């Protein structure tokens, strides 16, 4: 079997993360994920149950952003951490700064945004602070200097980027190095329905530079779970996937076949384990305890190399990243 690590050390100030995290985009979000909206079964109490089950499973990395639910995701995490003082020191929090063009001066806007995130999270620092998207209108050195300031001030323990191409990542990596700050992560959309980060060289570049690739939407917004089909597509704004369900169903069938060989692992668990075997850190979401339990089933075992290869052969290259598609749809 392919051997995987239990945790990964990020370059920075002694930050270790598990091989799988918990994405919290859905926490506090109504329009896309239906909290207090079309999904009447989903609210704070179910989020609390998802959090508790995740932490108990060793999934202690919580990934959020100032944009998620207009800050509500961060507020929810802050409340959970206040209520769970016993586990507070175990939890690793990552959040993000959205580089809107009108946020100037850039360094001041980033620092103000970070302080607002810290207030919502009720934390003195975050373990990982990331730029939410590439910034074509600002030099890499300007972005690096803005990230270096809170790092040197002790407000963040590690810094990263999100949705950066290989070229963009290499530029910010070099610029940060000039400031004495390592680039810890690049968070991109990566799944069996979007292997572009692997095929275009980004994953290899991450390995070369010592950057951890965080894989968001690792189950393609639920399309790899087996829950949906051509007659039952995802609800809300999750209807802009690059492939119709009729093209996805054969991949789900293969996930089921491989899962059966591993004691009945679900398609979602196999899809997540595939990413872990690739060296990425998937950050699936969970809105309730059952989903958190499902995610945890991806841990503690490994796909065989031939299974990893077999899935890779039927995987999709994908299209533009989810980040870009969301901006197009508003």
Protein backbone atom coordinates (compact mmCIF):
# COMPACT_ATOMS: atom_id res chain seq x y z
CA UNK A 1 0.00 0.00 0.00
CA UNK A 2 1.00 3.62 -0.47
CA UNK A 3 2.34 4.99 2.80
CA UNK A 4 1.14 8.42 3.92
CA UNK A 5 2.09 10.60 6.84
CA UNK A 6 -0.12 11.30 9.84
CA UNK A 7 0.74 15.00 9.84
CA UNK A 8 2.62 17.59 7.82
CA UNK A 9 4.91 20.30 9.17
CA UNK A 10 4.41 23.63 7.46
CA UNK A 11 7.40 25.92 6.99
CA UNK A 12 6.94 28.71 9.48
CA UNK A 13 6.75 28.81 13.25
CA UNK A 14 6.19 25.19 14.27
CA UNK A 15 2.87 24.64 12.54
CA UNK A 16 1.82 21.02 12.04
CA UNK A 17 -1.37 20.09 10.27
CA UNK A 18 -3.13 16.73 9.84
CA UNK A 19 -3.19 15.06 6.42
CA UNK A 20 -6.82 16.12 6.08
CA UNK A 21 -8.54 19.29 7.20
CA UNK A 22 -12.09 20.61 7.47
CA UNK A 23 -13.31 23.24 5.03
CA UNK A 24 -15.82 25.68 6.49
CA UNK A 25 -17.04 27.55 3.42
CA UNK A 26 -20.55 26.23 4.09
CA UNK A 27 -20.61 27.45 7.70
CA UNK A 28 -22.78 30.53 7.78
CA UNK A 29 -23.39 30.48 4.01
CA UNK A 30 -27.00 30.67 2.84
CA UNK A 31 -26.91 31.26 -0.92
CA UNK A 32 -24.64 28.39 -1.99
CA UNK A 33 -24.90 25.90 0.88
CA UNK A 34 -28.37 26.67 2.19
CA UNK A 35 -27.73 27.35 5.88
CA UNK A 36 -31.01 28.66 7.28
CA UNK A 37 -32.23 28.61 3.66
CA UNK A 38 -33.09 25.77 1.31
CA UNK A 39 -31.42 23.24 3.65
CA UNK A 40 -33.71 23.39 6.70
CA UNK A 41 -31.78 20.57 8.39
CA UNK A 42 -28.62 22.67 8.60
CA UNK A 43 -27.77 25.18 11.34
CA UNK A 44 -25.38 25.99 14.16
CA UNK A 45 -26.20 22.90 16.20
CA UNK A 46 -25.39 20.58 13.30
CA UNK A 47 -22.17 22.54 12.70
CA UNK A 48 -21.21 22.07 16.34
CA UNK A 49 -21.72 18.32 15.96
CA UNK A 50 -19.56 18.31 12.80
CA UNK A 51 -16.83 20.22 14.61
CA UNK A 52 -16.84 17.90 17.61
CA UNK A 53 -16.72 14.77 15.49
CA UNK A 54 -13.93 16.17 13.32
CA UNK A 55 -11.74 17.14 16.27
CA UNK A 56 -12.31 13.74 17.90
CA UNK A 57 -11.12 12.12 14.64
CA UNK A 58 -7.91 14.14 14.59
CA UNK A 59 -9.12 16.52 11.88
CA UNK A 60 -7.93 19.63 13.68
CA UNK A 61 -7.26 21.98 10.73
CA UNK A 62 -10.16 24.40 10.18
CA UNK A 63 -9.98 26.33 6.92
CA UNK A 64 -12.05 29.49 6.65
CA UNK A 65 -11.97 32.94 5.03
CA UNK A 66 -13.28 36.42 5.65
CA UNK A 67 -15.54 35.95 2.61
CA UNK A 68 -17.27 32.79 3.85
CA UNK A 69 -20.75 33.86 4.88
CA UNK A 70 -19.48 37.47 5.00
CA UNK A 71 -17.43 36.62 8.07
CA UNK A 72 -20.01 34.34 9.65
CA UNK A 73 -17.82 31.26 9.21
CA UNK A 74 -15.09 32.92 11.27
CA UNK A 75 -17.62 33.98 13.92
CA UNK A 76 -18.90 30.41 14.17
CA UNK A 77 -15.36 29.09 14.63
CA UNK A 78 -14.72 31.71 17.29
CA UNK A 79 -17.84 30.62 19.16
CA UNK A 80 -16.93 26.94 18.89
CA UNK A 81 -13.43 27.57 20.23
CA UNK A 82 -14.77 29.61 23.14
CA UNK A 83 -17.15 26.78 24.02
CA UNK A 84 -14.44 24.12 23.65
CA UNK A 85 -11.54 25.51 25.66
CA UNK A 86 -10.14 22.03 26.23
CA UNK A 87 -9.37 21.54 22.54
CA UNK A 88 -8.54 25.13 21.68
CA UNK A 89 -4.78 24.52 21.65
CA UNK A 90 -5.19 21.50 19.36
CA UNK A 91 -7.07 23.36 16.65
CA UNK A 92 -5.14 24.87 13.74
CA UNK A 93 -6.98 27.79 12.11
CA UNK A 94 -6.35 28.98 8.58
CA UNK A 95 -8.10 31.99 7.10
CA UNK A 96 -7.77 34.17 4.01
CA UNK A 97 -7.60 37.76 2.79
CA UNK A 98 -9.59 38.66 -0.34
CA UNK A 99 -7.46 41.04 -2.47
CA UNK A 100 -10.15 43.23 -3.97
CA UNK A 101 -8.61 45.88 -6.28
CA UNK A 102 -10.10 48.72 -4.25
CA UNK A 103 -8.40 47.64 -1.01
CA UNK A 104 -5.63 50.20 -0.83
CA UNK A 105 -3.08 50.78 0.48
CA UNK A 106 -2.59 47.03 0.10
CA UNK A 107 -0.44 46.34 3.16
CA UNK A 108 -2.71 48.38 5.41
CA UNK A 109 -5.84 46.72 4.02
CA UNK A 110 -4.39 43.27 4.61
CA UNK A 111 -3.41 44.06 8.19
CA UNK A 112 -6.82 45.59 8.93
CA UNK A 113 -8.55 42.58 7.40
CA UNK A 114 -6.43 40.20 9.45
CA UNK A 115 -7.21 42.04 12.68
CA UNK A 116 -10.94 41.89 11.86
CA UNK A 117 -10.61 38.14 11.25
CA UNK A 118 -8.81 37.69 14.55
CA UNK A 119 -11.61 39.56 16.31
CA UNK A 120 -14.26 37.33 14.75
CA UNK A 121 -12.22 34.23 15.56
CA UNK A 122 -11.47 35.48 19.09
CA UNK A 123 -7.81 34.48 18.61
CA UNK A 124 -4.54 36.32 19.22
CA UNK A 125 -3.08 34.85 16.00
CA UNK A 126 -3.93 32.48 13.18
CA UNK A 127 -1.75 29.55 12.30
CA UNK A 128 -2.03 30.12 8.54
CA UNK A 129 -2.97 33.28 6.64
CA UNK A 130 -3.49 33.05 2.89
CA UNK A 131 -4.10 35.39 -0.03
CA UNK A 132 -7.43 34.19 -1.44
CA UNK A 133 -6.55 34.70 -5.09
CA UNK A 134 -3.74 35.86 -7.40
CA UNK A 135 -3.18 39.59 -7.72
CA UNK A 136 -2.19 40.46 -11.27
CA UNK A 137 -2.27 44.21 -10.64
CA UNK A 138 0.32 44.17 -7.83
CA UNK A 139 3.97 43.07 -7.95
CA UNK A 140 4.83 39.88 -6.06
CA UNK A 141 7.18 41.87 -3.83
CA UNK A 142 4.32 44.13 -2.72
CA UNK A 143 2.17 41.14 -1.81
CA UNK A 144 5.09 39.43 -0.10
CA UNK A 145 5.88 42.50 1.99
CA UNK A 146 2.25 42.74 3.09
CA UNK A 147 2.24 39.06 4.15
CA UNK A 148 5.62 39.35 5.85
CA UNK A 149 4.48 42.16 8.17
CA UNK A 150 1.96 40.13 10.24
CA UNK A 151 4.29 37.13 10.13
CA UNK A 152 7.12 39.11 11.70
CA UNK A 153 4.64 40.71 14.12
CA UNK A 154 3.58 37.27 15.38
CA UNK A 155 -0.03 37.63 14.21
CA UNK A 156 0.34 34.65 11.86
CA UNK A 157 2.53 31.58 12.19
CA UNK A 158 2.66 30.71 8.50
CA UNK A 159 1.58 32.30 5.24
CA UNK A 160 0.21 30.90 2.01
CA UNK A 161 -1.70 31.63 -1.15
CA UNK A 162 -4.77 30.24 -2.86
CA UNK A 163 -5.68 29.72 -6.52
CA UNK A 164 -2.14 30.56 -7.65
CA UNK A 165 -0.72 29.01 -10.81
CA UNK A 166 2.76 27.51 -10.83
CA UNK A 167 4.21 30.71 -12.29
CA UNK A 168 2.43 32.91 -9.76
CA UNK A 169 3.43 30.62 -6.90
CA UNK A 170 7.10 30.63 -7.89
CA UNK A 171 7.08 34.43 -8.00
CA UNK A 172 5.54 34.86 -4.54
CA UNK A 173 7.76 32.10 -3.12
CA UNK A 174 10.87 33.96 -4.30
CA UNK A 175 9.58 37.34 -3.11
CA UNK A 176 8.73 36.00 0.33
CA UNK A 177 12.16 34.41 0.61
CA UNK A 178 13.69 37.87 0.22
CA UNK A 179 11.73 38.88 3.33
CA UNK A 180 12.86 35.80 5.22
CA UNK A 181 9.38 34.24 5.15
CA UNK A 182 8.66 30.76 3.77
CA UNK A 183 5.62 30.07 1.60
CA UNK A 184 3.71 27.33 3.39
CA UNK A 185 0.69 26.51 1.22
CA UNK A 186 -1.13 26.93 -2.06
CA UNK A 187 -4.82 26.11 -1.75
CA UNK A 188 -6.39 25.13 -5.06
CA UNK A 189 -9.31 23.15 -6.42
CA UNK A 190 -8.10 19.56 -6.84
CA UNK A 191 -10.12 16.38 -7.17
CA UNK A 192 -10.70 13.44 -9.49
CA UNK A 193 -12.82 15.84 -11.54
CA UNK A 194 -10.08 18.47 -11.68
CA UNK A 195 -6.56 17.07 -11.86
CA UNK A 196 -5.26 20.20 -13.53
CA UNK A 197 -2.92 21.02 -10.60
CA UNK A 198 -1.21 17.68 -11.16
CA UNK A 199 -1.20 17.72 -14.96
CA UNK A 200 0.03 21.30 -15.37
CA UNK A 201 2.97 20.90 -13.01
CA UNK A 202 1.66 22.77 -9.97
CA UNK A 203 1.72 19.74 -7.67
CA UNK A 204 5.27 18.91 -8.73
CA UNK A 205 6.35 22.50 -8.14
CA UNK A 206 4.82 22.40 -4.66
CA UNK A 207 6.91 19.32 -3.86
CA UNK A 208 10.01 21.00 -5.23
CA UNK A 209 9.52 24.18 -3.21
CA UNK A 210 8.31 22.52 0.00
CA UNK A 211 4.84 24.05 -0.35
CA UNK A 212 1.86 22.02 0.88
CA UNK A 213 -1.02 21.83 -1.58
CA UNK A 214 -4.38 22.19 0.17
CA UNK A 215 -7.12 20.67 -1.98
CA UNK A 216 -10.47 22.43 -1.75
CA UNK A 217 -13.66 21.00 -3.25
CA UNK A 218 -11.99 17.54 -3.03
CA UNK A 219 -15.30 15.80 -3.70
CA UNK A 220 -16.30 18.24 -6.44
CA UNK A 221 -19.02 19.86 -4.33
CA UNK A 222 -20.55 16.48 -3.53
CA UNK A 223 -20.44 15.03 -7.04
CA UNK A 224 -18.02 12.26 -6.05
CA UNK A 225 -19.96 11.11 -2.99
CA UNK A 226 -22.48 8.96 -4.83
CA UNK A 227 -25.27 11.05 -3.33
CA UNK A 228 -26.12 12.77 -6.60
CA UNK A 229 -26.89 11.55 -10.11
CA UNK A 230 -28.18 12.76 -13.45
CA UNK A 231 -31.74 12.79 -12.07
CA UNK A 232 -30.70 14.32 -8.74
CA UNK A 233 -28.08 17.09 -9.20
CA UNK A 234 -26.79 19.25 -6.32
CA UNK A 235 -29.00 22.13 -5.22
CA UNK A 236 -28.44 25.85 -4.94
CA UNK A 237 -25.51 27.50 -6.74
CA UNK A 238 -23.63 24.20 -6.92
CA UNK A 239 -25.06 23.63 -10.40
CA UNK A 240 -22.17 25.03 -12.43
CA UNK A 241 -19.92 21.95 -12.46
CA UNK A 242 -17.74 21.44 -15.49
CA UNK A 243 -19.16 17.97 -16.24
CA UNK A 244 -22.70 16.56 -16.34
CA UNK A 245 -23.49 13.82 -13.86
CA UNK A 246 -23.72 11.28 -16.71
CA UNK A 247 -19.95 11.69 -17.21
CA UNK A 248 -19.24 11.51 -13.49
CA UNK A 249 -21.20 8.35 -12.73
CA UNK A 250 -18.56 5.98 -14.23
CA UNK A 251 -15.93 7.50 -11.92
CA UNK A 252 -18.21 7.06 -8.92
CA UNK A 253 -18.73 3.43 -9.95
CA UNK A 254 -14.97 2.87 -9.91
CA UNK A 255 -14.73 4.53 -6.52
CA UNK A 256 -17.37 2.10 -5.26
CA UNK A 257 -15.49 -0.88 -6.69
CA UNK A 258 -12.22 0.14 -5.07
CA UNK A 259 -13.95 1.00 -1.80
CA UNK A 260 -15.46 -2.48 -1.65
CA UNK A 261 -11.96 -3.93 -1.74
CA UNK A 262 -11.08 -1.89 1.34
CA UNK A 263 -13.84 -3.14 3.61
CA UNK A 264 -16.67 -1.11 2.17
CA UNK A 265 -15.17 2.37 2.00
CA UNK A 266 -17.51 4.89 0.41
CA UNK A 267 -16.82 6.72 -2.88
CA UNK A 268 -16.13 9.91 -0.92
CA UNK A 269 -13.61 8.19 1.35
CA UNK A 270 -11.77 6.69 -1.61
CA UNK A 271 -11.72 10.06 -3.41
CA UNK A 272 -10.26 11.75 -0.33
CA UNK A 273 -7.70 9.01 0.24
CA UNK A 274 -6.60 9.34 -3.39
CA UNK A 275 -5.70 12.99 -2.76
CA UNK A 276 -3.84 12.11 0.44
CA UNK A 277 -1.84 9.50 -1.47
CA UNK A 278 -0.98 12.21 -4.00
CA UNK A 279 0.56 14.29 -1.21
CA UNK A 280 -2.21 16.88 -1.07
CA UNK A 281 -4.19 17.82 2.05
CA UNK A 282 -7.90 17.63 1.20
CA UNK A 283 -10.21 19.95 3.12
CA UNK A 284 -13.72 18.55 2.66
CA UNK A 285 -16.63 20.32 4.27
CA UNK A 286 -19.01 18.93 6.86
CA UNK A 287 -22.37 20.38 7.88
CA UNK A 288 -23.24 17.70 10.44
CA UNK A 289 -21.80 14.83 12.45
CA UNK A 290 -22.62 12.23 9.81
CA UNK A 291 -20.64 14.08 7.15
CA UNK A 292 -17.72 14.55 9.53
CA UNK A 293 -17.82 10.82 10.32
CA UNK A 294 -17.83 10.08 6.59
CA UNK A 295 -14.78 12.29 6.05
CA UNK A 296 -12.91 10.62 8.92
CA UNK A 297 -13.30 7.27 7.17
CA UNK A 298 -10.70 8.42 4.65
CA UNK A 299 -8.01 8.25 7.35
CA UNK A 300 -6.02 5.34 8.74
CA UNK A 301 -5.61 3.37 5.51
CA UNK A 302 -4.13 3.83 2.04
CA UNK A 303 -4.94 2.96 -1.52
CA UNK A 304 -2.54 0.63 -3.31
CA UNK A 305 -0.33 2.26 -5.97
CA UNK A 306 -2.19 0.47 -8.77
CA UNK A 307 -5.51 1.80 -7.41
CA UNK A 308 -4.14 5.34 -7.32
CA UNK A 309 -3.01 4.91 -10.92
CA UNK A 310 -6.31 3.38 -12.03
CA UNK A 311 -8.26 6.35 -10.67
CA UNK A 312 -5.82 8.73 -12.29
CA UNK A 313 -6.48 7.18 -15.69
CA UNK A 314 -10.22 7.91 -15.54
CA UNK A 315 -9.96 11.26 -13.76
CA UNK A 316 -10.89 14.50 -15.50
CA UNK A 317 -8.43 17.29 -16.30
CA UNK A 318 -11.08 19.85 -15.42
CA UNK A 319 -11.66 23.43 -16.40
CA UNK A 320 -11.08 26.79 -14.78
CA UNK A 321 -10.91 26.67 -11.00
CA UNK A 322 -14.01 26.93 -8.83
CA UNK A 323 -12.74 30.30 -7.57
CA UNK A 324 -12.93 31.76 -11.10
CA UNK A 325 -16.29 30.16 -11.84
CA UNK A 326 -17.82 31.62 -8.69
CA UNK A 327 -16.64 35.11 -9.61
CA UNK A 328 -18.18 34.69 -13.06
CA UNK A 329 -21.52 33.64 -11.57
CA UNK A 330 -21.50 36.34 -8.90
